[in-house]
Amino acid sequence: MKAFIRWVDRFCARNPRFGIAGLMRILVIGNAAIWLLSMMDRTGTVIYYLALYPQMILQGQLWRLVTFVFVPASSGFLTLIFLYFYYFIGTTMEREWGQAKFSLYFFSGMLFTVIFAFIVYFAGGRTLSPYSVAEYIYLSMFFTFATYYPDVQVLLFFFIPVKVKWLAFVDAAFFLISVFRLSFPDSMLPIVAVLNYLLFCGDILFAGLSPARFRQRSRTINFHTQAARVRREQQSAPYRFKCAVCGRTDTEHPELEFRYCSRCAGYHCFCQEHINNHIHFNE
């Protein structure tokens, strides 16, 4: 898992423009547009031509591999509130991770769902509900947001302040209930979505739950001591600064600026591309 994250960080460092800029904005606008069309289309024709039906994809309707993420979970007014919330957490994570990593995260969630849909189809000829197939991809983003910003407060129902970490437990309970409430194969969609979350955030989650992490929370790191240690190491190194993500140094890339992150445990240096786009060190 950590090896995968390191590979992702290196890939994103070398390809910062990979993916789609403003991906979450496009997804939310697309969902809102389909929501409006579905309100006027009582026959369900619009949803039918966008849904993830493997048998239709095999007949050449390849657009379904992408358009299924634009099908909203319901046609009620509550959908607009969910879309606003998706936009908030999605754009926040895009700023945290950068365009490339956020795009990889969402694309991998789509890929897992498509693979599962084809497995279900080939195994028993079944198809997933078009209204549920993308819902858990979006809902799993909230786990990612809560992992990075557990103490951020949001206004539940626009007036009740609640920390994100408590809402994450509610979201987890909804996922668990869905596994037992939904009929197969839709009941497996929450598990597929969680697998994508664990792939990208499992190292942070398990590190935060480890006994060593709890012991570390009560230990104060002496920043000056750590700085002195780093300076001693730098005296024998052929460079002064080295990015902890991509490994680039000020000797090899004098055009880059390097900074130290105050949110990381310890004393870690990052280049200008990763100072605001990295997983914070826990120890």
Protein backbone atom coordinates (compact mmCIF):
# COMPACT_ATOMS: atom_id res chain seq x y z
CA MET A 1 0.00 0.00 0.00
CA LYS A 2 2.79 2.44 0.92
CA ALA A 3 4.69 1.40 -2.19
CA PHE A 4 1.62 2.23 -4.30
CA ILE A 5 1.30 5.67 -2.68
CA ARG A 6 4.99 6.37 -3.29
CA TRP A 7 4.53 5.39 -6.93
CA VAL A 8 1.46 7.65 -7.20
CA ASP A 9 3.35 10.58 -5.65
CA ARG A 10 6.29 10.10 -8.02
CA PHE A 11 3.96 9.80 -11.02
CA CYS A 12 2.07 12.95 -10.02
CA ALA A 13 5.35 14.83 -9.46
CA ARG A 14 6.49 13.99 -12.98
CA ASN A 15 3.05 14.51 -14.54
CA PRO A 16 1.38 17.34 -12.61
CA ARG A 17 -0.98 18.08 -15.51
CA PHE A 18 -2.28 14.52 -15.73
CA GLY A 19 -6.03 14.17 -15.43
CA ILE A 20 -8.74 16.78 -15.75
CA ALA A 21 -8.51 20.24 -14.22
CA GLY A 22 -11.62 21.08 -12.22
CA LEU A 23 -12.81 17.47 -12.40
CA MET A 24 -15.21 17.81 -9.48
CA ARG A 25 -16.82 20.90 -11.00
CA ILE A 26 -17.45 19.00 -14.24
CA LEU A 27 -18.92 16.02 -12.37
CA VAL A 28 -21.27 18.16 -10.29
CA ILE A 29 -22.45 20.22 -13.28
CA GLY A 30 -23.02 17.02 -15.25
CA ASN A 31 -24.99 15.43 -12.41
CA ALA A 32 -27.11 18.56 -12.01
CA ALA A 33 -27.85 18.62 -15.75
CA ILE A 34 -28.89 14.96 -15.79
CA TRP A 35 -30.98 15.57 -12.67
CA LEU A 36 -32.90 18.31 -14.49
CA LEU A 37 -33.35 16.15 -17.58
CA SER A 38 -34.54 13.19 -15.51
CA MET A 39 -37.14 15.42 -13.83
CA MET A 40 -38.63 16.09 -17.26
CA ASP A 41 -38.11 12.58 -18.62
CA ARG A 42 -40.56 10.35 -16.77
CA THR A 43 -39.79 7.36 -19.02
CA GLY A 44 -36.20 7.07 -17.79
CA THR A 45 -34.75 7.15 -21.32
CA VAL A 46 -31.94 9.55 -20.40
CA ILE A 47 -30.78 7.41 -17.48
CA TYR A 48 -31.01 4.26 -19.58
CA TYR A 49 -28.60 5.59 -22.23
CA LEU A 50 -26.08 6.71 -19.58
CA ALA A 51 -26.17 3.71 -17.24
CA LEU A 52 -23.38 1.15 -16.81
CA TYR A 53 -24.84 -1.85 -18.64
CA PRO A 54 -22.02 -4.26 -19.62
CA GLN A 55 -24.10 -5.96 -22.32
CA MET A 56 -24.59 -2.62 -24.09
CA ILE A 57 -20.91 -1.72 -23.74
CA LEU A 58 -19.99 -5.01 -25.41
CA GLN A 59 -22.23 -3.97 -28.29
CA GLY A 60 -20.13 -0.85 -28.84
CA GLN A 61 -21.75 1.75 -26.55
CA LEU A 62 -18.41 2.66 -24.97
CA TRP A 63 -19.59 6.03 -23.68
CA ARG A 64 -21.30 4.19 -20.82
CA LEU A 65 -17.85 3.55 -19.30
CA VAL A 66 -17.78 7.26 -18.44
CA THR A 67 -21.35 8.55 -18.41
CA PHE A 68 -22.52 6.36 -15.52
CA VAL A 69 -20.86 8.76 -13.04
CA PHE A 70 -23.24 11.51 -14.21
CA VAL A 71 -26.34 9.59 -13.11
CA PRO A 72 -27.55 11.11 -9.79
CA ALA A 73 -28.52 8.80 -6.95
CA SER A 74 -32.12 10.06 -6.89
CA SER A 75 -34.42 12.55 -8.56
CA GLY A 76 -35.46 14.38 -5.39
CA PHE A 77 -34.50 17.90 -4.31
CA LEU A 78 -32.11 16.40 -1.75
CA THR A 79 -29.83 15.55 -4.67
CA LEU A 80 -28.87 19.20 -5.05
CA ILE A 81 -27.73 19.35 -1.43
CA PHE A 82 -25.61 16.24 -1.91
CA LEU A 83 -24.11 17.70 -5.09
CA TYR A 84 -23.12 20.85 -3.22
CA PHE A 85 -21.48 18.71 -0.53
CA TYR A 86 -19.68 16.58 -3.14
CA TYR A 87 -18.39 19.76 -4.75
CA PHE A 88 -17.08 21.05 -1.41
CA ILE A 89 -15.18 17.91 -0.43
CA GLY A 90 -14.06 17.13 -3.99
CA THR A 91 -12.55 20.54 -4.68
CA THR A 92 -10.91 20.54 -1.24
CA MET A 93 -9.22 17.21 -1.94
CA GLU A 94 -8.21 18.41 -5.40
CA ARG A 95 -6.43 21.36 -3.78
CA GLU A 96 -4.84 19.06 -1.18
CA TRP A 97 -3.65 16.41 -3.63
CA GLY A 98 -3.35 18.33 -6.85
CA GLN A 99 -5.03 17.71 -10.18
CA ALA A 100 -3.10 14.53 -11.03
CA LYS A 101 -3.61 12.61 -7.79
CA PHE A 102 -7.26 13.54 -7.39
CA SER A 103 -7.94 12.47 -10.98
CA LEU A 104 -6.17 9.17 -10.36
CA TYR A 105 -8.26 8.64 -7.23
CA PHE A 106 -11.57 9.18 -8.98
CA PHE A 107 -10.57 7.27 -12.12
CA SER A 108 -9.52 4.25 -10.02
CA GLY A 109 -12.90 4.32 -8.28
CA MET A 110 -14.57 4.26 -11.68
CA LEU A 111 -12.28 1.43 -12.81
CA PHE A 112 -13.06 -0.72 -9.76
CA THR A 113 -16.79 -0.20 -10.34
CA VAL A 114 -16.57 -1.06 -14.05
CA ILE A 115 -14.57 -4.23 -13.31
CA PHE A 116 -17.11 -5.27 -10.68
CA ALA A 117 -20.01 -4.62 -13.09
CA PHE A 118 -18.44 -6.88 -15.72
CA ILE A 119 -17.65 -9.59 -13.16
CA VAL A 120 -21.28 -9.60 -12.04
CA TYR A 121 -22.51 -9.66 -15.64
CA PHE A 122 -20.27 -12.52 -16.76
CA ALA A 123 -20.90 -14.49 -13.57
CA GLY A 124 -24.68 -14.37 -13.64
CA GLY A 125 -25.95 -11.98 -16.29
CA ARG A 126 -26.98 -9.38 -13.70
CA THR A 127 -26.62 -5.60 -13.92
CA LEU A 128 -26.19 -2.89 -11.29
CA SER A 129 -28.84 -0.33 -10.48
CA PRO A 130 -28.02 2.84 -12.47
CA TYR A 131 -28.95 4.99 -9.46
CA SER A 132 -26.59 3.21 -7.06
CA VAL A 133 -23.59 2.44 -9.22
CA ALA A 134 -21.86 5.84 -8.84
CA GLU A 135 -23.37 6.90 -5.53
CA TYR A 136 -20.78 5.13 -3.38
CA ILE A 137 -17.86 6.47 -5.41
CA TYR A 138 -18.93 9.97 -4.35
CA LEU A 139 -19.77 8.96 -0.79
CA SER A 140 -16.37 7.32 -0.32
CA MET A 141 -14.74 10.69 -1.04
CA PHE A 142 -16.06 11.82 2.31
CA PHE A 143 -13.89 9.20 4.02
CA THR A 144 -10.89 10.69 2.26
CA PHE A 145 -11.88 14.20 3.32
CA ALA A 146 -12.37 13.07 6.92
CA THR A 147 -8.97 11.35 6.93
CA TYR A 148 -7.22 14.61 6.04
CA TYR A 149 -9.50 17.05 7.88
CA PRO A 150 -11.06 15.16 10.82
CA ASP A 151 -11.54 18.23 13.03
CA VAL A 152 -13.06 20.55 10.45
CA GLN A 153 -16.57 21.62 11.43
CA VAL A 154 -19.43 21.65 8.94
CA LEU A 155 -23.00 22.85 9.42
CA LEU A 156 -25.34 19.87 9.40
CA PHE A 157 -28.70 20.96 7.97
CA PHE A 158 -27.02 24.40 7.60
CA PHE A 159 -27.15 25.24 11.31
CA ILE A 160 -25.80 22.34 13.45
CA PRO A 161 -21.96 22.45 13.78
CA VAL A 162 -20.50 18.93 13.63
CA LYS A 163 -16.92 17.76 13.23
CA VAL A 164 -16.21 15.86 10.04
CA LYS A 165 -14.84 12.82 11.88
CA TRP A 166 -18.22 12.18 13.53
CA LEU A 167 -20.02 12.47 10.21
CA ALA A 168 -17.53 9.94 8.82
CA PHE A 169 -18.76 7.42 11.38
CA VAL A 170 -22.34 8.10 10.22
CA ASP A 171 -21.20 7.59 6.62
CA ALA A 172 -19.51 4.32 7.62
CA ALA A 173 -22.72 3.15 9.31
CA PHE A 174 -24.66 3.98 6.13
CA PHE A 175 -22.20 1.91 4.10
CA LEU A 176 -22.58 -1.02 6.48
CA ILE A 177 -26.37 -0.82 6.47
CA SER A 178 -26.37 -0.64 2.66
CA VAL A 179 -24.45 -3.91 2.47
CA PHE A 180 -27.32 -5.68 4.27
CA ARG A 181 -30.20 -3.55 2.96
CA LEU A 182 -29.51 -3.65 -0.78
CA SER A 183 -29.99 -6.75 -2.85
CA PHE A 184 -27.05 -8.39 -4.57
CA PRO A 185 -25.10 -7.23 -6.56
CA ASP A 186 -25.78 -3.62 -5.49
CA SER A 187 -25.00 -4.60 -1.91
CA MET A 188 -21.33 -5.02 -2.87
CA LEU A 189 -20.93 -1.48 -4.24
CA PRO A 190 -20.09 0.05 -0.82
CA ILE A 191 -17.30 -2.51 -0.40
CA VAL A 192 -15.91 -1.76 -3.87
CA ALA A 193 -15.89 1.97 -3.05
CA VAL A 194 -14.13 1.39 0.28
CA LEU A 195 -11.41 -0.61 -1.47
CA ASN A 196 -10.54 2.47 -3.51
CA TYR A 197 -10.41 4.60 -0.35
CA LEU A 198 -8.13 2.09 1.39
CA LEU A 199 -5.83 2.01 -1.62
CA PHE A 200 -5.18 5.75 -1.42
CA CYS A 201 -5.65 6.48 2.29
CA GLY A 202 -5.21 3.14 4.04
CA ASP A 203 -1.65 3.93 5.14
CA ILE A 204 -2.80 7.11 6.91
CA LEU A 205 -5.83 5.38 8.44
CA PHE A 206 -3.90 2.41 9.82
CA ALA A 207 -1.02 4.61 10.99
CA GLY A 208 -3.50 6.77 12.90
CA LEU A 209 -5.06 3.72 14.55
CA SER A 210 -1.76 2.07 15.52
CA PRO A 211 -0.69 2.01 19.21
CA ALA A 212 2.57 3.74 18.27
CA ARG A 213 0.60 6.63 16.79
CA PHE A 214 -1.40 7.07 19.99
CA ARG A 215 1.82 7.12 22.01
CA GLN A 216 3.29 9.67 19.65
CA ARG A 217 0.38 12.07 20.13
CA SER A 218 1.48 12.65 23.72
CA ARG A 219 5.10 13.28 22.70
CA THR A 220 6.30 16.77 21.79
CA ILE A 221 8.80 17.01 18.95
CA ASN A 222 11.67 19.43 19.54
CA PHE A 223 11.82 21.30 16.26
CA HIS A 224 15.20 22.91 16.99
CA THR A 225 16.78 19.55 17.82
CA GLN A 226 15.46 18.06 14.62
CA ALA A 227 16.71 21.08 12.66
CA ALA A 228 20.18 20.68 14.11
CA ARG A 229 20.20 16.99 13.18
CA VAL A 230 19.21 17.78 9.60
CA ARG A 231 21.93 20.45 9.33
CA ARG A 232 24.54 17.94 10.49
CA GLU A 233 23.37 15.47 7.85
CA GLN A 234 23.41 18.16 5.18
CA GLN A 235 27.05 18.98 5.86
CA SER A 236 28.09 15.56 4.56
CA ALA A 237 25.54 15.50 1.71
CA PRO A 238 26.20 16.90 -1.81
CA TYR A 239 23.07 19.05 -1.55
CA ARG A 240 21.37 21.35 0.91
CA PHE A 241 17.70 20.57 0.29
CA LYS A 242 16.02 17.36 -0.90
CA CYS A 243 12.30 16.88 -1.49
CA ALA A 244 10.88 14.05 0.64
CA VAL A 245 8.38 13.15 -2.11
CA CYS A 246 10.13 13.26 -5.47
CA GLY A 247 13.77 13.22 -4.27
CA ARG A 248 14.84 16.27 -6.28
CA THR A 249 17.61 18.36 -4.72
CA ASP A 250 18.65 21.99 -4.94
CA THR A 251 21.92 20.88 -6.55
CA GLU A 252 20.19 19.08 -9.42
CA HIS A 253 17.36 21.62 -9.74
CA PRO A 254 18.56 25.06 -8.63
CA GLU A 255 15.45 26.64 -10.18
CA LEU A 256 13.19 25.04 -7.52
CA GLU A 257 12.31 26.50 -4.15
CA PHE A 258 12.32 24.25 -1.07
CA ARG A 259 10.38 24.61 2.16
CA TYR A 260 9.91 22.69 5.42
CA CYS A 261 6.42 21.53 6.40
CA SER A 262 5.27 22.54 9.88
CA ARG A 263 2.40 20.02 9.83
CA CYS A 264 4.66 17.00 9.43
CA ALA A 265 6.05 15.21 12.47
CA GLY A 266 9.78 15.80 12.42
CA TYR A 267 11.70 18.01 10.02
CA HIS A 268 10.92 17.25 6.37
CA CYS A 269 11.75 19.29 3.30
CA PHE A 270 9.63 19.56 0.14
CA CYS A 271 10.00 21.24 -3.22
CA GLN A 272 7.60 23.96 -4.34
CA GLU A 273 5.40 21.40 -6.12
CA HIS A 274 4.93 19.21 -3.05
CA ILE A 275 4.96 21.57 -0.07
CA ASN A 276 1.15 21.74 -0.36
CA ASN A 277 0.71 18.40 -2.07
CA HIS A 278 2.02 15.56 0.10
CA ILE A 279 0.97 13.11 2.79
CA HIS A 280 2.07 14.49 6.13
CA PHE A 281 4.60 12.42 8.03
CA ASN A 282 3.27 10.94 11.26
CA GLU A 283 6.57 9.95 12.79
